[in-house]
Amino acid sequence: MTSTISVEDRCIDAFDNLKRNRHITTVLFRLNDSLDTLTLDFAGNLTHDELLNVLPSDPRLVVYELCFADRSGNRQEAIVLISWSPHDTSPEQGTAQAACYAALRSQFEGIDLSLEATSRSDLEYNHLVRVVQS
């Protein structure tokens, strides 16, 4: 693995599309096999349940527009950055994933919540809403 991880332009474009245009709700990124480039894995519209169902058994970075009602019943949206690293992630993958996660947290403006998840229970809808509202 090289010390520098590059990010494909398509990754930045997909994030900008989610943030500015709101034409999509979900973007998944993955590291290539040599762990030196972050690539676009998926950009489209997924419900929260669909997102949980499509998360693979290997690491991904996810940007997701979480929609919920606030305590007054008003519709709210929050852009969430998720580092998905299942328990069986290799140390090399984990190190590269952590570096990408930190870089995206500082580079992507407009992220309302950043979190690391190792199991789907970390991403339960009600849990995310509670964390965003706190």
C-alpha atoms as a PDB file:
ATOM      1  CA  MET A   1       0.000   0.000   0.000  1.00  0.00           C
ATOM      2  CA  THR A   2       1.310   3.430  -0.840  1.00  0.00           C
ATOM      3  CA  SER A   3       1.306   6.210   1.733  1.00  0.00           C
ATOM      4  CA  THR A   4      -0.958   8.392  -0.411  1.00  0.00           C
ATOM      5  CA  ILE A   5      -4.483   7.412  -1.315  1.00  0.00           C
ATOM      6  CA  SER A   6      -5.960   9.179  -4.313  1.00  0.00           C
ATOM      7  CA  VAL A   7      -9.639   9.965  -4.716  1.00  0.00           C
ATOM      8  CA  GLU A   8     -11.333   9.594  -8.087  1.00  0.00           C
ATOM      9  CA  ASP A   9     -13.023  12.761  -9.354  1.00  0.00           C
ATOM     10  CA  ARG A  10     -16.257  10.765  -9.633  1.00  0.00           C
ATOM     11  CA  CYS A  11     -16.273  10.459  -5.834  1.00  0.00           C
ATOM     12  CA  ILE A  12     -16.171  14.225  -5.366  1.00  0.00           C
ATOM     13  CA  ASP A  13     -18.791  14.728  -8.087  1.00  0.00           C
ATOM     14  CA  ALA A  14     -21.156  12.210  -6.465  1.00  0.00           C
ATOM     15  CA  PHE A  15     -20.836  13.898  -3.068  1.00  0.00           C
ATOM     16  CA  ASP A  16     -21.459  17.313  -4.623  1.00  0.00           C
ATOM     17  CA  ASN A  17     -24.530  15.930  -6.401  1.00  0.00           C
ATOM     18  CA  LEU A  18     -25.947  14.602  -3.136  1.00  0.00           C
ATOM     19  CA  LYS A  19     -25.170  17.780  -1.209  1.00  0.00           C
ATOM     20  CA  ARG A  20     -26.158  20.436  -3.711  1.00  0.00           C
ATOM     21  CA  ASN A  21     -28.732  18.928  -6.046  1.00  0.00           C
ATOM     22  CA  ARG A  22     -30.329  16.361  -3.739  1.00  0.00           C
ATOM     23  CA  HIS A  23     -30.982  14.135  -6.769  1.00  0.00           C
ATOM     24  CA  ILE A  24     -29.484  11.191  -4.910  1.00  0.00           C
ATOM     25  CA  THR A  25     -29.560  10.149  -1.255  1.00  0.00           C
ATOM     26  CA  THR A  26     -26.735   7.635  -1.029  1.00  0.00           C
ATOM     27  CA  VAL A  27     -23.119   7.388  -2.183  1.00  0.00           C
ATOM     28  CA  LEU A  28     -20.886   4.406  -1.462  1.00  0.00           C
ATOM     29  CA  PHE A  29     -17.120   4.544  -1.941  1.00  0.00           C
ATOM     30  CA  ARG A  30     -14.635   1.681  -1.825  1.00  0.00           C
ATOM     31  CA  LEU A  31     -10.894   1.323  -1.876  1.00  0.00           C
ATOM     32  CA  ASN A  32      -9.481  -0.486  -4.893  1.00  0.00           C
ATOM     33  CA  ASP A  33      -7.720  -3.832  -4.394  1.00  0.00           C
ATOM     34  CA  SER A  34      -4.298  -2.225  -3.999  1.00  0.00           C
ATOM     35  CA  LEU A  35      -5.747   0.149  -1.348  1.00  0.00           C
ATOM     36  CA  ASP A  36      -4.346   3.248  -3.052  1.00  0.00           C
ATOM     37  CA  THR A  37      -7.422   4.757  -4.731  1.00  0.00           C
ATOM     38  CA  LEU A  38     -10.889   5.575  -3.435  1.00  0.00           C
ATOM     39  CA  THR A  39     -13.433   4.744  -6.132  1.00  0.00           C
ATOM     40  CA  LEU A  40     -17.148   5.306  -6.584  1.00  0.00           C
ATOM     41  CA  ASP A  41     -19.068   2.113  -5.836  1.00  0.00           C
ATOM     42  CA  PHE A  42     -22.678   3.384  -5.998  1.00  0.00           C
ATOM     43  CA  ALA A  43     -24.571   6.657  -6.313  1.00  0.00           C
ATOM     44  CA  GLY A  44     -28.352   6.645  -6.232  1.00  0.00           C
ATOM     45  CA  ASN A  45     -31.423   6.574  -4.057  1.00  0.00           C
ATOM     46  CA  LEU A  46     -31.795   4.076  -1.253  1.00  0.00           C
ATOM     47  CA  THR A  47     -34.107   3.951   1.722  1.00  0.00           C
ATOM     48  CA  HIS A  48     -32.457   3.395   5.067  1.00  0.00           C
ATOM     49  CA  ASP A  49     -33.421  -0.296   5.044  1.00  0.00           C
ATOM     50  CA  GLU A  50     -32.081  -0.692   1.500  1.00  0.00           C
ATOM     51  CA  LEU A  51     -28.793   0.899   2.544  1.00  0.00           C
ATOM     52  CA  LEU A  52     -28.407  -1.581   5.396  1.00  0.00           C
ATOM     53  CA  ASN A  53     -29.183  -4.449   3.025  1.00  0.00           C
ATOM     54  CA  VAL A  54     -26.614  -3.445   0.382  1.00  0.00           C
ATOM     55  CA  LEU A  55     -23.697  -2.924   2.755  1.00  0.00           C
ATOM     56  CA  PRO A  56     -21.187  -5.621   1.808  1.00  0.00           C
ATOM     57  CA  SER A  57     -18.953  -7.681   4.065  1.00  0.00           C
ATOM     58  CA  ASP A  58     -15.940  -5.529   3.182  1.00  0.00           C
ATOM     59  CA  PRO A  59     -15.266  -1.885   4.104  1.00  0.00           C
ATOM     60  CA  ARG A  60     -17.030   1.048   2.476  1.00  0.00           C
ATOM     61  CA  LEU A  61     -17.337   4.757   3.072  1.00  0.00           C
ATOM     62  CA  VAL A  62     -20.908   5.956   2.822  1.00  0.00           C
ATOM     63  CA  VAL A  63     -22.459   9.392   2.503  1.00  0.00           C
ATOM     64  CA  TYR A  64     -26.163   9.205   3.230  1.00  0.00           C
ATOM     65  CA  GLU A  65     -28.943  11.772   3.498  1.00  0.00           C
ATOM     66  CA  LEU A  66     -30.835  10.828   6.648  1.00  0.00           C
ATOM     67  CA  CYS A  67     -34.411  12.149   6.623  1.00  0.00           C
ATOM     68  CA  PHE A  68     -36.358  12.325   9.873  1.00  0.00           C
ATOM     69  CA  ALA A  69     -38.918  14.372  11.790  1.00  0.00           C
ATOM     70  CA  ASP A  70     -37.617  16.629  14.540  1.00  0.00           C
ATOM     71  CA  ARG A  71     -39.246  16.824  17.963  1.00  0.00           C
ATOM     72  CA  SER A  72     -41.807  19.295  16.563  1.00  0.00           C
ATOM     73  CA  GLY A  73     -42.698  17.006  13.669  1.00  0.00           C
ATOM     74  CA  ASN A  74     -40.901  19.054  11.018  1.00  0.00           C
ATOM     75  CA  ARG A  75     -39.023  17.230   8.269  1.00  0.00           C
ATOM     76  CA  GLN A  76     -35.261  17.424   8.656  1.00  0.00           C
ATOM     77  CA  GLU A  77     -32.321  16.119   6.657  1.00  0.00           C
ATOM     78  CA  ALA A  78     -28.800  15.409   7.823  1.00  0.00           C
ATOM     79  CA  ILE A  79     -25.857  14.345   5.694  1.00  0.00           C
ATOM     80  CA  VAL A  80     -24.091  11.460   7.407  1.00  0.00           C
ATOM     81  CA  LEU A  81     -20.584  10.169   6.644  1.00  0.00           C
ATOM     82  CA  ILE A  82     -20.183   6.540   7.673  1.00  0.00           C
ATOM     83  CA  SER A  83     -17.023   4.476   7.825  1.00  0.00           C
ATOM     84  CA  TRP A  84     -18.313   0.908   7.403  1.00  0.00           C
ATOM     85  CA  SER A  85     -15.628  -1.520   8.627  1.00  0.00           C
ATOM     86  CA  PRO A  86     -17.059  -4.922   9.551  1.00  0.00           C
ATOM     87  CA  HIS A  87     -15.351  -6.852  12.349  1.00  0.00           C
ATOM     88  CA  ASP A  88     -13.384  -9.068   9.945  1.00  0.00           C
ATOM     89  CA  THR A  89     -11.712  -6.157   8.136  1.00  0.00           C
ATOM     90  CA  SER A  90      -7.981  -6.796   7.718  1.00  0.00           C
ATOM     91  CA  PRO A  91      -5.551  -4.484   9.541  1.00  0.00           C
ATOM     92  CA  GLU A  92      -4.243  -3.169   6.196  1.00  0.00           C
ATOM     93  CA  GLN A  93      -7.791  -2.417   4.979  1.00  0.00           C
ATOM     94  CA  GLY A  94      -8.637  -0.832   8.325  1.00  0.00           C
ATOM     95  CA  THR A  95      -5.636   1.484   8.209  1.00  0.00           C
ATOM     96  CA  ALA A  96      -6.406   2.599   4.646  1.00  0.00           C
ATOM     97  CA  GLN A  97     -10.108   2.990   5.476  1.00  0.00           C
ATOM     98  CA  ALA A  98      -9.304   5.147   8.513  1.00  0.00           C
ATOM     99  CA  ALA A  99      -7.023   7.380   6.430  1.00  0.00           C
ATOM    100  CA  CYS A 100      -9.739   7.862   3.794  1.00  0.00           C
ATOM    101  CA  TYR A 101     -12.388   8.513   6.436  1.00  0.00           C
ATOM    102  CA  ALA A 102     -10.273  11.197   8.101  1.00  0.00           C
ATOM    103  CA  ALA A 103      -9.510  12.821   4.735  1.00  0.00           C
ATOM    104  CA  LEU A 104     -13.165  12.888   3.676  1.00  0.00           C
ATOM    105  CA  ARG A 105     -14.254  14.292   7.042  1.00  0.00           C
ATOM    106  CA  SER A 106     -11.961  17.250   6.523  1.00  0.00           C
ATOM    107  CA  GLN A 107     -12.550  17.639   2.767  1.00  0.00           C
ATOM    108  CA  PHE A 108     -16.334  17.227   2.495  1.00  0.00           C
ATOM    109  CA  GLU A 109     -18.086  20.352   3.734  1.00  0.00           C
ATOM    110  CA  GLY A 110     -21.661  20.005   4.921  1.00  0.00           C
ATOM    111  CA  ILE A 111     -21.364  16.709   6.797  1.00  0.00           C
ATOM    112  CA  ASP A 112     -23.731  16.863   9.795  1.00  0.00           C
ATOM    113  CA  LEU A 113     -22.652  13.615  11.437  1.00  0.00           C
ATOM    114  CA  SER A 114     -19.609  11.354  11.061  1.00  0.00           C
ATOM    115  CA  LEU A 115     -19.500   7.907  12.579  1.00  0.00           C
ATOM    116  CA  GLU A 116     -17.699   4.605  12.414  1.00  0.00           C
ATOM    117  CA  ALA A 117     -19.723   1.390  12.226  1.00  0.00           C
ATOM    118  CA  THR A 118     -18.661  -2.228  12.540  1.00  0.00           C
ATOM    119  CA  SER A 119     -22.135  -3.804  12.548  1.00  0.00           C
ATOM    120  CA  ARG A 120     -25.518  -2.969  11.091  1.00  0.00           C
ATOM    121  CA  SER A 121     -26.847  -2.351  14.609  1.00  0.00           C
ATOM    122  CA  ASP A 122     -24.519   0.692  14.763  1.00  0.00           C
ATOM    123  CA  LEU A 123     -26.566   2.136  11.892  1.00  0.00           C
ATOM    124  CA  GLU A 124     -30.106   1.579  13.155  1.00  0.00           C
ATOM    125  CA  TYR A 125     -32.359   4.405  12.021  1.00  0.00           C
ATOM    126  CA  ASN A 126     -33.560   5.478  15.483  1.00  0.00           C
ATOM    127  CA  HIS A 127     -29.990   5.468  16.795  1.00  0.00           C
ATOM    128  CA  LEU A 128     -28.810   7.749  13.963  1.00  0.00           C
ATOM    129  CA  VAL A 129     -31.723  10.133  14.514  1.00  0.00           C
ATOM    130  CA  ARG A 130     -30.973  10.317  18.270  1.00  0.00           C
ATOM    131  CA  VAL A 131     -27.301  11.069  17.589  1.00  0.00           C
ATOM    132  CA  VAL A 132     -28.127  13.761  15.006  1.00  0.00           C
ATOM    133  CA  GLN A 133     -30.611  15.427  17.357  1.00  0.00           C
ATOM    134  CA  SER A 134     -28.259  15.433  20.348  1.00  0.00           C
END
